[in-house]
N, C-alpha and C. Protein backbone atom coordinates (compact mmCIF):
# COMPACT_ATOMS: atom_id res chain seq x y z
N MET A 1 96.31 114.86 148.31
CA MET A 1 95.05 115.53 147.13
C MET A 1 94.38 114.25 146.53
N GLY A 2 95.33 113.13 146.37
CA GLY A 2 95.38 112.08 145.84
C GLY A 2 95.37 111.66 144.79
N TYR A 3 96.34 113.01 144.59
CA TYR A 3 97.67 113.12 142.85
C TYR A 3 98.83 112.27 143.64
N GLU A 4 99.26 111.37 142.30
CA GLU A 4 100.68 111.28 142.18
C GLU A 4 101.83 112.41 142.03
N ALA A 5 103.01 112.14 142.27
CA ALA A 5 103.50 113.30 141.94
C ALA A 5 104.09 113.02 140.58
N LEU A 6 104.20 114.43 140.23
CA LEU A 6 104.66 114.45 138.64
C LEU A 6 106.14 113.87 138.43
N ASP A 7 105.84 112.92 137.10
CA ASP A 7 106.61 112.40 136.79
C ASP A 7 107.83 113.45 135.38
N ILE A 8 108.30 114.52 136.22
CA ILE A 8 109.73 115.62 135.44
C ILE A 8 110.77 114.95 134.38
N ALA A 9 110.66 113.98 134.50
CA ALA A 9 111.51 113.01 133.41
C ALA A 9 110.69 112.43 132.24
N ASN A 10 109.52 112.27 132.25
CA ASN A 10 109.03 111.74 131.68
C ASN A 10 107.70 112.50 130.86
N LEU A 11 108.26 114.42 131.59
CA LEU A 11 107.29 114.84 130.91
C LEU A 11 107.50 115.02 129.18
N SER A 12 108.24 114.91 128.17
CA SER A 12 108.35 115.03 127.32
C SER A 12 107.92 113.82 126.48
N ARG A 13 107.63 113.07 127.35
CA ARG A 13 106.82 111.46 126.34
C ARG A 13 105.23 111.64 126.71
N SER A 14 105.17 112.11 127.68
CA SER A 14 104.53 112.29 127.92
C SER A 14 103.16 113.31 127.39
N LEU A 15 104.07 114.29 126.51
CA LEU A 15 103.36 115.44 126.23
C LEU A 15 103.14 114.88 124.74
N ASN A 16 104.66 114.04 123.86
CA ASN A 16 104.58 113.52 123.02
C ASN A 16 102.68 113.04 122.77
N GLU A 17 102.66 111.58 123.42
CA GLU A 17 101.68 110.68 123.54
C GLU A 17 100.23 111.55 123.80
N ALA A 18 100.18 112.55 124.22
CA ALA A 18 99.20 113.33 124.73
C ALA A 18 98.90 113.93 123.09
N LEU A 19 99.37 114.25 122.64
CA LEU A 19 99.20 115.23 121.09
C LEU A 19 99.17 114.25 120.50
N VAL A 20 99.25 113.03 119.91
CA VAL A 20 99.50 112.27 119.10
C VAL A 20 97.87 111.50 119.35
N LEU A 21 97.95 111.06 120.05
CA LEU A 21 96.45 110.34 120.95
C LEU A 21 95.29 111.61 120.70
N ALA A 22 95.32 112.94 121.00
CA ALA A 22 94.72 113.74 120.41
C ALA A 22 94.42 113.54 119.33
N GLU A 23 95.18 114.02 118.02
CA GLU A 23 94.75 113.85 117.11
C GLU A 23 94.17 112.56 116.46
N LEU A 24 94.47 111.69 117.16
CA LEU A 24 93.20 110.47 116.43
C LEU A 24 92.31 109.82 116.59
N LEU A 25 91.88 111.22 117.81
CA LEU A 25 90.20 111.12 118.08
C LEU A 25 89.47 111.16 117.32
N ASP A 26 89.76 112.14 115.61
CA ASP A 26 89.16 112.23 114.86
C ASP A 26 88.92 111.22 113.45
N GLY A 27 89.79 109.96 113.83
CA GLY A 27 89.55 108.92 113.18
C GLY A 27 91.28 109.03 113.14
N ALA A 28 91.36 107.74 111.81
CA ALA A 28 92.24 107.30 111.80
C ALA A 28 93.52 107.93 111.00
N LYS A 29 94.46 107.93 111.09
CA LYS A 29 95.48 108.87 110.42
C LYS A 29 97.07 108.54 109.61
N HIS A 30 97.76 108.87 108.91
CA HIS A 30 98.95 108.34 108.80
C HIS A 30 99.96 108.68 109.54
N GLY A 31 101.29 108.74 109.96
CA GLY A 31 102.31 109.35 110.56
C GLY A 31 102.39 110.85 110.26
N TYR A 32 102.89 110.74 109.07
CA TYR A 32 102.64 112.50 108.03
C TYR A 32 101.92 112.95 108.57
N GLN A 33 100.39 112.97 108.30
CA GLN A 33 99.71 113.77 108.21
C GLN A 33 99.46 114.32 109.51
N LEU A 34 99.82 112.91 111.13
CA LEU A 34 99.61 113.29 112.30
C LEU A 34 100.39 114.11 112.78
N ALA A 35 101.93 114.77 111.92
CA ALA A 35 102.75 115.34 112.12
C ALA A 35 102.26 116.97 111.93
N LEU A 36 101.38 117.01 110.64
CA LEU A 36 100.91 118.26 110.23
C LEU A 36 100.04 118.92 110.83
N GLU A 37 99.08 117.52 111.56
CA GLU A 37 97.92 118.08 112.20
C GLU A 37 98.12 118.84 113.70
N VAL A 38 99.62 118.15 114.28
CA VAL A 38 99.62 118.14 115.30
C VAL A 38 100.65 120.04 115.17
N ALA A 39 101.53 120.10 114.02
CA ALA A 39 101.91 121.71 113.93
C ALA A 39 101.07 122.22 113.65
N GLU A 40 100.07 122.21 113.03
CA GLU A 40 98.81 123.02 112.56
C GLU A 40 98.04 123.44 113.26
N ALA A 41 97.20 122.15 114.62
CA ALA A 41 96.93 123.15 115.57
C ALA A 41 97.69 123.75 116.78
N SER A 42 99.05 124.01 116.79
CA SER A 42 99.54 124.62 117.59
C SER A 42 100.42 125.89 116.97
N ASP A 43 99.39 125.67 115.50
CA ASP A 43 100.22 127.28 114.91
C ASP A 43 101.81 127.37 114.83
N GLY A 44 102.11 125.92 114.37
CA GLY A 44 103.34 125.68 114.31
C GLY A 44 104.24 125.51 115.02
N GLU A 45 104.19 125.84 116.30
CA GLU A 45 104.85 125.84 117.45
C GLU A 45 105.50 124.32 118.22
N ILE A 46 104.80 123.87 117.53
CA ILE A 46 104.86 121.79 118.28
C ILE A 46 105.29 121.83 116.48
N ARG A 47 106.47 120.91 116.49
CA ARG A 47 106.85 120.24 115.00
C ARG A 47 107.06 118.73 115.87
N PHE A 48 106.39 117.74 115.08
CA PHE A 48 107.62 116.50 115.55
C PHE A 48 108.35 116.50 113.96
N LYS A 49 109.69 115.88 114.02
CA LYS A 49 110.71 115.47 113.08
C LYS A 49 110.35 114.18 113.03
N HIS A 50 110.80 113.30 111.99
CA HIS A 50 110.14 111.87 111.86
C HIS A 50 110.92 110.81 112.28
N GLY A 51 111.60 111.22 112.68
CA GLY A 51 112.93 110.34 114.05
C GLY A 51 112.59 110.15 115.13
N THR A 52 111.66 111.74 115.27
CA THR A 52 110.65 111.50 116.68
C THR A 52 109.40 110.79 116.76
N LEU A 53 108.78 111.38 115.65
CA LEU A 53 107.54 110.71 115.38
C LEU A 53 106.89 109.11 115.50
N TYR A 54 107.85 108.51 115.00
CA TYR A 54 107.76 107.23 114.20
C TYR A 54 108.14 106.28 115.90
N PRO A 55 108.93 106.66 116.32
CA PRO A 55 109.12 105.79 117.63
C PRO A 55 107.88 105.90 118.57
N ILE A 56 107.64 107.46 118.80
CA ILE A 56 106.58 107.30 119.82
C ILE A 56 105.56 106.38 119.17
N LEU A 57 104.83 106.37 117.95
CA LEU A 57 103.95 105.44 117.21
C LEU A 57 104.09 103.82 117.52
N HIS A 58 105.40 103.98 117.06
CA HIS A 58 105.59 101.63 117.37
C HIS A 58 105.44 101.90 119.33
N ARG A 59 105.82 103.11 119.91
CA ARG A 59 105.96 102.54 121.02
C ARG A 59 103.95 102.30 122.22
N LEU A 60 103.52 103.35 121.26
CA LEU A 60 101.66 103.12 121.06
C LEU A 60 101.06 102.20 121.02
N GLU A 61 102.03 101.98 119.65
CA GLU A 61 101.06 100.83 119.21
C GLU A 61 101.53 99.67 120.11
N GLN A 62 102.79 99.09 120.14
CA GLN A 62 103.37 98.16 121.06
C GLN A 62 102.66 97.99 122.45
N SER A 63 102.10 99.07 122.88
CA SER A 63 101.43 99.18 124.38
C SER A 63 99.63 99.14 124.04
N GLY A 64 99.46 99.16 123.11
CA GLY A 64 98.09 98.98 122.86
C GLY A 64 97.04 100.32 123.27
N MET A 65 97.85 100.88 122.69
CA MET A 65 97.58 102.44 123.15
C MET A 65 96.27 102.60 121.75
N ILE A 66 97.77 102.10 120.27
CA ILE A 66 96.61 102.31 119.04
C ILE A 66 96.94 101.70 118.51
N SER A 67 96.01 101.14 117.45
CA SER A 67 96.50 100.15 116.18
C SER A 67 96.74 100.88 114.69
N GLY A 68 97.63 99.94 113.93
CA GLY A 68 98.21 100.00 112.84
C GLY A 68 97.83 99.46 111.90
N SER A 69 97.43 99.89 110.82
CA SER A 69 97.07 99.08 109.03
C SER A 69 97.63 99.75 108.16
N TRP A 70 98.12 98.73 107.41
CA TRP A 70 98.86 99.08 106.06
C TRP A 70 97.89 99.56 104.79
N SER A 71 98.30 100.30 104.16
CA SER A 71 96.38 100.45 103.44
C SER A 71 97.57 100.85 101.71
N ASP A 72 96.57 100.77 100.52
CA ASP A 72 97.86 100.55 99.40
C ASP A 72 97.18 102.60 98.83
N GLU A 73 96.88 103.19 99.42
CA GLU A 73 96.14 104.64 99.03
C GLU A 73 97.63 105.28 98.86
N GLY A 74 96.93 106.47 97.70
CA GLY A 74 98.25 108.00 97.21
C GLY A 74 99.06 107.25 96.36
N PRO A 75 100.01 108.30 95.91
CA PRO A 75 100.69 108.22 95.07
C PRO A 75 102.09 107.52 95.49
N ARG A 76 102.20 107.47 97.15
CA ARG A 76 103.28 106.55 97.61
C ARG A 76 103.41 105.47 97.71
N GLY A 77 102.28 104.75 97.53
CA GLY A 77 102.28 103.59 97.79
C GLY A 77 101.67 102.79 99.12
N LYS A 78 102.08 102.01 99.62
CA LYS A 78 101.74 101.73 101.21
C LYS A 78 101.63 102.72 101.87
N ARG A 79 100.87 103.09 103.11
CA ARG A 79 101.02 103.41 104.14
C ARG A 79 100.17 103.43 105.44
N ARG A 80 100.80 103.37 106.85
CA ARG A 80 100.69 102.94 107.89
C ARG A 80 99.89 103.99 108.68
N SER A 81 98.53 103.44 108.68
CA SER A 81 97.61 104.18 109.40
C SER A 81 96.77 104.03 110.48
N TYR A 82 96.70 104.41 111.73
CA TYR A 82 96.51 104.43 113.36
C TYR A 82 95.01 104.83 113.49
N VAL A 83 94.89 104.06 114.38
CA VAL A 83 93.71 104.68 115.44
C VAL A 83 93.60 103.91 116.85
N LEU A 84 93.09 105.25 117.19
CA LEU A 84 93.00 105.10 118.82
C LEU A 84 92.18 103.80 119.37
N THR A 85 92.69 103.06 119.78
CA THR A 85 92.30 101.83 120.71
C THR A 85 91.07 102.79 122.18
N GLN A 86 90.48 101.81 122.64
CA GLN A 86 89.92 101.96 123.93
C GLN A 86 90.63 102.19 124.66
N GLU A 87 92.07 101.31 124.96
CA GLU A 87 92.97 101.76 125.60
C GLU A 87 93.60 103.09 125.89
N GLY A 88 93.67 103.32 124.21
CA GLY A 88 94.22 105.07 124.28
C GLY A 88 93.63 106.01 124.56
N ARG A 89 92.13 105.14 124.64
CA ARG A 89 91.14 107.00 124.49
C ARG A 89 91.32 107.20 126.65
N ARG A 90 91.41 105.85 127.25
CA ARG A 90 91.39 106.24 128.59
C ARG A 90 92.82 106.62 129.23
N HIS A 91 93.89 106.41 128.33
CA HIS A 91 95.50 106.52 128.81
C HIS A 91 94.98 108.26 128.13
N LEU A 92 94.23 108.67 127.08
CA LEU A 92 94.46 110.07 126.69
C LEU A 92 93.54 111.12 127.91
N ALA A 93 92.62 110.24 128.52
CA ALA A 93 91.82 110.97 129.46
C ALA A 93 92.70 111.06 130.62
N VAL A 94 94.03 110.33 131.00
CA VAL A 94 94.36 110.61 132.40
C VAL A 94 95.19 111.37 131.84
N LEU A 95 95.89 111.58 130.94
CA LEU A 95 97.09 112.51 129.93
C LEU A 95 96.64 113.88 130.33
N ARG A 96 95.56 113.87 129.90
CA ARG A 96 95.04 115.31 129.89
C ARG A 96 94.46 116.01 131.28
N ARG A 97 94.03 115.24 132.79
CA ARG A 97 94.10 115.60 133.27
C ARG A 97 95.16 115.72 133.67
N GLU A 98 96.45 115.45 133.80
CA GLU A 98 97.92 115.30 134.53
C GLU A 98 98.36 116.69 133.72
N TRP A 99 98.26 116.75 132.40
CA TRP A 99 98.52 117.90 131.76
C TRP A 99 98.07 119.42 132.21
N ILE A 100 96.30 119.40 132.40
CA ILE A 100 95.90 120.55 132.77
C ILE A 100 96.22 120.65 134.79
N ARG A 101 96.48 119.78 135.36
CA ARG A 101 96.62 120.04 136.62
C ARG A 101 98.33 120.30 136.69
N LEU A 102 99.31 120.30 135.34
CA LEU A 102 100.30 120.82 135.54
C LEU A 102 100.29 122.56 135.49
N ALA A 103 99.43 122.52 134.13
CA ALA A 103 99.64 123.88 133.62
C ALA A 103 99.13 125.10 134.72
N ASN A 104 97.76 124.37 135.63
CA ASN A 104 97.73 125.09 136.58
C ASN A 104 98.78 125.34 138.18
N LEU A 105 99.23 124.27 137.75
CA LEU A 105 100.62 124.14 138.87
C LEU A 105 101.46 125.32 138.52
N LEU A 106 101.95 125.18 137.19
CA LEU A 106 102.78 126.04 136.73
C LEU A 106 102.00 127.35 136.45
N ALA A 107 101.06 128.00 136.17
CA ALA A 107 100.59 129.38 136.50
C ALA A 107 100.59 129.69 138.00
N SER A 108 100.24 128.75 138.89
CA SER A 108 100.35 129.26 140.22
C SER A 108 101.99 129.55 140.69
N SER A 109 102.41 128.89 139.81
CA SER A 109 103.98 128.87 140.92
C SER A 109 104.54 130.04 140.31
N LEU A 110 104.28 129.98 138.61
CA LEU A 110 104.81 131.30 138.18
C LEU A 110 104.21 132.47 138.12
N GLY A 111 103.24 132.88 138.18
CA GLY A 111 102.42 134.24 139.08
C GLY A 111 102.07 134.36 137.59
N GLU A 112 101.47 135.48 137.93
CA GLU A 112 100.50 136.32 136.80
C GLU A 112 101.10 136.53 135.49
N ALA A 113 101.37 136.26 134.04
CA ALA A 113 101.95 137.36 133.43
C ALA A 113 101.93 138.57 133.07
N PRO A 114 102.75 139.37 133.06
CA PRO A 114 102.63 140.70 132.84
C PRO A 114 101.39 141.59 132.29
């Protein structure tokens, strides 16, 4: 069908990237805000730990998917906010297609829910 085989070993990484990139579609956000919004969007089912989120943000920034900048906002002083780049938008579109495909494959393989 023209699709590559799913990379099962990297599903977690792919999901984390998709979640972060999707939250940045609305504009710049700092890490803590991203974590809160992912949790809120998933009704608390998906939560990032700080030790997990920040390496994801650094990897996405290094790969050009997001761009970060420091600001002096809020009572805590400097915060690093991230925005989605054009490359990040393209990558998110690919990830969305892959996750929709995976969801459909799983639904088909597992059968209907009772």
